[in-house]
C-alpha atoms as a PDB file:
ATOM      1  CA  SER A   1      39.037 -34.328  -4.388  1.00  0.00           C
ATOM      2  CA  GLY A   2      36.050 -35.314  -6.527  1.00  0.00           C
ATOM      3  CA  ILE A   3      33.603 -34.356  -3.792  1.00  0.00           C
ATOM      4  CA  MET A   4      35.231 -30.961  -3.278  1.00  0.00           C
ATOM      5  CA  SER A   5      35.113 -30.114  -6.975  1.00  0.00           C
ATOM      6  CA  LYS A   6      31.425 -31.079  -7.124  1.00  0.00           C
ATOM      7  CA  ARG A   7      30.775 -28.960  -4.047  1.00  0.00           C
ATOM      8  CA  ASN A   8      32.585 -25.965  -5.560  1.00  0.00           C
ATOM      9  CA  ARG A   9      30.619 -26.320  -8.799  1.00  0.00           C
ATOM     10  CA  PHE A  10      27.386 -26.457  -6.800  1.00  0.00           C
ATOM     11  CA  GLU A  11      28.326 -23.392  -4.739  1.00  0.00           C
ATOM     12  CA  ASN A  12      29.331 -21.428  -7.846  1.00  0.00           C
ATOM     13  CA  CYS A  13      26.084 -22.400  -9.567  1.00  0.00           C
ATOM     14  CA  TYR A  14      24.096 -21.360  -6.481  1.00  0.00           C
ATOM     15  CA  LYS A  15      25.882 -18.034  -6.250  1.00  0.00           C
ATOM     16  CA  SER A  16      25.297 -17.238  -9.909  1.00  0.00           C
ATOM     17  CA  ASP A  17      21.632 -18.307  -9.660  1.00  0.00           C
ATOM     18  CA  SER A  18      21.223 -16.072  -6.622  1.00  0.00           C
ATOM     19  CA  PHE A  19      22.795 -13.153  -8.482  1.00  0.00           C
ATOM     20  CA  TYR A  20      20.559 -13.872 -11.500  1.00  0.00           C
ATOM     21  CA  VAL A  21      17.407 -13.827  -9.358  1.00  0.00           C
ATOM     22  CA  GLN A  22      18.473 -10.652  -7.565  1.00  0.00           C
ATOM     23  CA  SER A  23      19.248  -8.869 -10.834  1.00  0.00           C
ATOM     24  CA  LYS A  24      15.859  -9.882 -12.271  1.00  0.00           C
ATOM     25  CA  LEU A  25      14.111  -8.633  -9.126  1.00  0.00           C
ATOM     26  CA  LEU A  26      15.971  -5.347  -9.412  1.00  0.00           C
ATOM     27  CA  LEU A  27      14.862  -4.933 -13.025  1.00  0.00           C
ATOM     28  CA  LEU A  28      11.300  -5.829 -12.078  1.00  0.00           C
ATOM     29  CA  THR A  29      11.187  -3.176  -9.366  1.00  0.00           C
ATOM     30  CA  LEU A  30      12.662  -0.578 -11.716  1.00  0.00           C
ATOM     31  CA  HIS A  31      10.051  -1.307 -14.392  1.00  0.00           C
ATOM     32  CA  CYS A  32       7.171  -1.677 -11.928  1.00  0.00           C
ATOM     33  CA  PRO A  33       7.680   0.960  -9.216  1.00  0.00           C
ATOM     34  CA  LEU A  34       4.292   0.285  -7.589  1.00  0.00           C
ATOM     35  CA  LEU A  35       5.110  -3.390  -7.098  1.00  0.00           C
ATOM     36  CA  LYS A  36       5.834  -4.282  -3.491  1.00  0.00           C
ATOM     37  CA  LEU A  37       8.368  -7.025  -2.765  1.00  0.00           C
ATOM     38  CA  LEU A  38       9.568  -8.505   0.483  1.00  0.00           C
ATOM     39  CA  TRP A  39      13.099  -9.838   0.075  1.00  0.00           C
ATOM     40  CA  SER A  40      15.230 -11.466   2.714  1.00  0.00           C
ATOM     41  CA  SER A  41      18.453 -13.425   2.697  1.00  0.00           C
ATOM     42  CA  SER A  42      17.059 -16.194   4.909  1.00  0.00           C
ATOM     43  CA  PRO A  43      13.768 -18.126   4.941  1.00  0.00           C
ATOM     44  CA  GLN A  44      13.557 -17.829   8.735  1.00  0.00           C
ATOM     45  CA  TYR A  45      13.794 -14.040   8.671  1.00  0.00           C
ATOM     46  CA  THR A  46      11.259 -13.893   5.830  1.00  0.00           C
ATOM     47  CA  ALA A  47       8.816 -15.948   7.924  1.00  0.00           C
ATOM     48  CA  LYS A  48       9.320 -13.550  10.851  1.00  0.00           C
ATOM     49  CA  LEU A  49       8.681 -10.545   8.597  1.00  0.00           C
ATOM     50  CA  PHE A  50       5.458 -12.046   7.241  1.00  0.00           C
ATOM     51  CA  ALA A  51       4.300 -12.919  10.766  1.00  0.00           C
ATOM     52  CA  GLU A  52       4.937  -9.321  11.847  1.00  0.00           C
ATOM     53  CA  ILE A  53       3.144  -7.859   8.829  1.00  0.00           C
ATOM     54  CA  LYS A  54       0.218 -10.251   9.257  1.00  0.00           C
ATOM     55  CA  LYS A  55      -0.451  -9.447  12.943  1.00  0.00           C
ATOM     56  CA  GLY A  56      -4.071  -8.457  13.459  1.00  0.00           C
ATOM     57  CA  LYS A  57      -5.072  -9.165   9.847  1.00  0.00           C
ATOM     58  CA  ILE A  58      -7.555 -11.759   8.587  1.00  0.00           C
ATOM     59  CA  GLU A  59      -6.429 -14.914   6.785  1.00  0.00           C
ATOM     60  CA  PRO A  60      -6.209 -14.537   2.989  1.00  0.00           C
ATOM     61  CA  ASP A  61      -8.881 -16.110   0.786  1.00  0.00           C
ATOM     62  CA  SER A  62      -7.117 -18.809  -1.251  1.00  0.00           C
ATOM     63  CA  ALA A  63      -9.842 -18.906  -3.927  1.00  0.00           C
ATOM     64  CA  LEU A  64      -9.532 -15.175  -4.535  1.00  0.00           C
ATOM     65  CA  ALA A  65      -5.729 -15.317  -4.489  1.00  0.00           C
ATOM     66  CA  SER A  66      -5.606 -18.112  -7.058  1.00  0.00           C
ATOM     67  CA  SER A  67      -8.027 -16.287  -9.329  1.00  0.00           C
ATOM     68  CA  VAL A  68      -5.776 -13.213  -9.457  1.00  0.00           C
ATOM     69  CA  THR A  69      -2.960 -15.213 -11.087  1.00  0.00           C
ATOM     70  CA  SER A  70      -5.163 -16.075 -14.037  1.00  0.00           C
ATOM     71  CA  PHE A  71      -5.203 -13.700 -17.000  1.00  0.00           C
ATOM     72  CA  GLU A  72      -8.749 -14.816 -17.816  1.00  0.00           C
ATOM     73  CA  THR A  73      -9.979 -13.368 -14.526  1.00  0.00           C
ATOM     74  CA  MET A  74      -9.052  -9.855 -15.553  1.00  0.00           C
ATOM     75  CA  TYR A  75     -11.572  -9.970 -18.404  1.00  0.00           C
ATOM     76  CA  SER A  76     -14.413 -11.204 -16.205  1.00  0.00           C
ATOM     77  CA  LEU A  77     -13.835  -8.439 -13.645  1.00  0.00           C
ATOM     78  CA  ASN A  78     -13.679  -4.707 -14.150  1.00  0.00           C
ATOM     79  CA  VAL A  79     -10.581  -4.526 -16.341  1.00  0.00           C
ATOM     80  CA  GLU A  80      -9.689  -0.989 -15.392  1.00  0.00           C
ATOM     81  CA  THR A  81      -9.378  -1.757 -11.679  1.00  0.00           C
ATOM     82  CA  ASN A  82      -8.037  -5.298 -11.854  1.00  0.00           C
ATOM     83  CA  LYS A  83      -4.563  -5.647 -10.321  1.00  0.00           C
ATOM     84  CA  THR A  84      -3.517  -8.414 -12.718  1.00  0.00           C
ATOM     85  CA  PHE A  85      -4.339  -6.305 -15.747  1.00  0.00           C
ATOM     86  CA  ASP A  86      -2.589  -3.320 -14.187  1.00  0.00           C
ATOM     87  CA  PHE A  87       0.502  -5.409 -13.448  1.00  0.00           C
ATOM     88  CA  LEU A  88       0.648  -6.760 -17.005  1.00  0.00           C
ATOM     89  CA  LEU A  89       0.407  -3.281 -18.473  1.00  0.00           C
ATOM     90  CA  ARG A  90       3.437  -2.239 -16.413  1.00  0.00           C
ATOM     91  CA  LEU A  91       5.600  -4.925 -17.972  1.00  0.00           C
ATOM     92  CA  PRO A  92       7.872  -3.602 -20.708  1.00  0.00           C
ATOM     93  CA  GLY A  93       6.485  -4.182 -24.176  1.00  0.00           C
ATOM     94  CA  VAL A  94       2.918  -4.921 -23.018  1.00  0.00           C
ATOM     95  CA  ASN A  95       0.204  -2.446 -23.937  1.00  0.00           C
ATOM     96  CA  ARG A  96      -3.561  -2.328 -24.460  1.00  0.00           C
ATOM     97  CA  LYS A  97      -3.128  -3.242 -28.122  1.00  0.00           C
ATOM     98  CA  ASN A  98      -1.248  -6.496 -27.569  1.00  0.00           C
ATOM     99  CA  ILE A  99      -2.413  -7.716 -24.161  1.00  0.00           C
ATOM    100  CA  ARG A 100      -5.227  -9.906 -25.540  1.00  0.00           C
ATOM    101  CA  GLU A 101      -2.837 -11.585 -27.971  1.00  0.00           C
ATOM    102  CA  LEU A 102      -0.469 -12.186 -25.071  1.00  0.00           C
ATOM    103  CA  ASN A 103      -3.336 -13.724 -23.093  1.00  0.00           C
ATOM    104  CA  SER A 104      -3.996 -16.184 -25.910  1.00  0.00           C
ATOM    105  CA  LYS A 105      -0.384 -17.429 -25.669  1.00  0.00           C
ATOM    106  CA  ALA A 106      -0.058 -17.550 -21.857  1.00  0.00           C
ATOM    107  CA  LYS A 107      -2.918 -18.149 -19.440  1.00  0.00           C
ATOM    108  CA  ASN A 108      -0.953 -17.220 -16.296  1.00  0.00           C
ATOM    109  CA  PHE A 109       2.306 -15.633 -15.155  1.00  0.00           C
ATOM    110  CA  PHE A 110       4.171 -18.930 -14.986  1.00  0.00           C
ATOM    111  CA  ALA A 111       3.271 -19.697 -18.619  1.00  0.00           C
ATOM    112  CA  LEU A 112       4.292 -16.161 -19.611  1.00  0.00           C
ATOM    113  CA  ALA A 113       7.708 -16.603 -17.994  1.00  0.00           C
ATOM    114  CA  GLN A 114       8.202 -19.853 -19.931  1.00  0.00           C
ATOM    115  CA  LEU A 115       7.472 -18.402 -23.387  1.00  0.00           C
ATOM    116  CA  PRO A 116      10.477 -18.568 -25.709  1.00  0.00           C
ATOM    117  CA  LYS A 117      11.866 -15.365 -27.178  1.00  0.00           C
ATOM    118  CA  GLU A 118      10.672 -16.244 -30.693  1.00  0.00           C
ATOM    119  CA  GLN A 119       7.069 -16.616 -29.520  1.00  0.00           C
ATOM    120  CA  LEU A 120       7.179 -13.309 -27.643  1.00  0.00           C
ATOM    121  CA  LEU A 121       8.556 -11.592 -30.746  1.00  0.00           C
ATOM    122  CA  GLN A 122       5.829 -13.175 -32.859  1.00  0.00           C
ATOM    123  CA  THR A 123       3.131 -12.162 -30.367  1.00  0.00           C
ATOM    124  CA  LEU A 124       4.337  -8.678 -29.405  1.00  0.00           C
ATOM    125  CA  ASP A 125       6.477  -7.779 -32.437  1.00  0.00           C
ATOM    126  CA  LYS A 126       9.463  -5.620 -31.458  1.00  0.00           C
ATOM    127  CA  ASP A 127       7.972  -5.123 -27.984  1.00  0.00           C
ATOM    128  CA  GLY A 128       8.551  -8.824 -27.281  1.00  0.00           C
ATOM    129  CA  GLU A 129      12.285  -8.153 -27.001  1.00  0.00           C
ATOM    130  CA  GLN A 130      11.703  -5.799 -24.053  1.00  0.00           C
ATOM    131  CA  LEU A 131       9.558  -8.319 -22.202  1.00  0.00           C
ATOM    132  CA  TYR A 132      11.949 -11.187 -22.870  1.00  0.00           C
ATOM    133  CA  ASN A 133      14.907  -9.175 -21.549  1.00  0.00           C
ATOM    134  CA  LEU A 134      13.051  -8.471 -18.304  1.00  0.00           C
END
């Protein structure tokens, strides 16, 4: 009985986490229509999709890929054409006036996602609410 109740709690938690992730992805695609996502219900099918997409293409450059995740990179490159900068500007509440202040609080996307609501409000004023709700 104890094992079954733990299993049910785990399954319910997993289902709600899955729904949470899917709803956040939906919001992200609505706010960033140029963003391309590949979503699959199974890791095996996702691997097959990537293999199919990757056929005939060169291997990605890991140094270049890791540099794109850094906000600092967008200032060292041509800011107008940088994909990171462009992506940030598509996030709700982020604009050219507050993006540098945001960069001082979060050096990458992971750090941005971890910022508490109060810090986003302090950094972006009322626009922080929009970004936090994303």
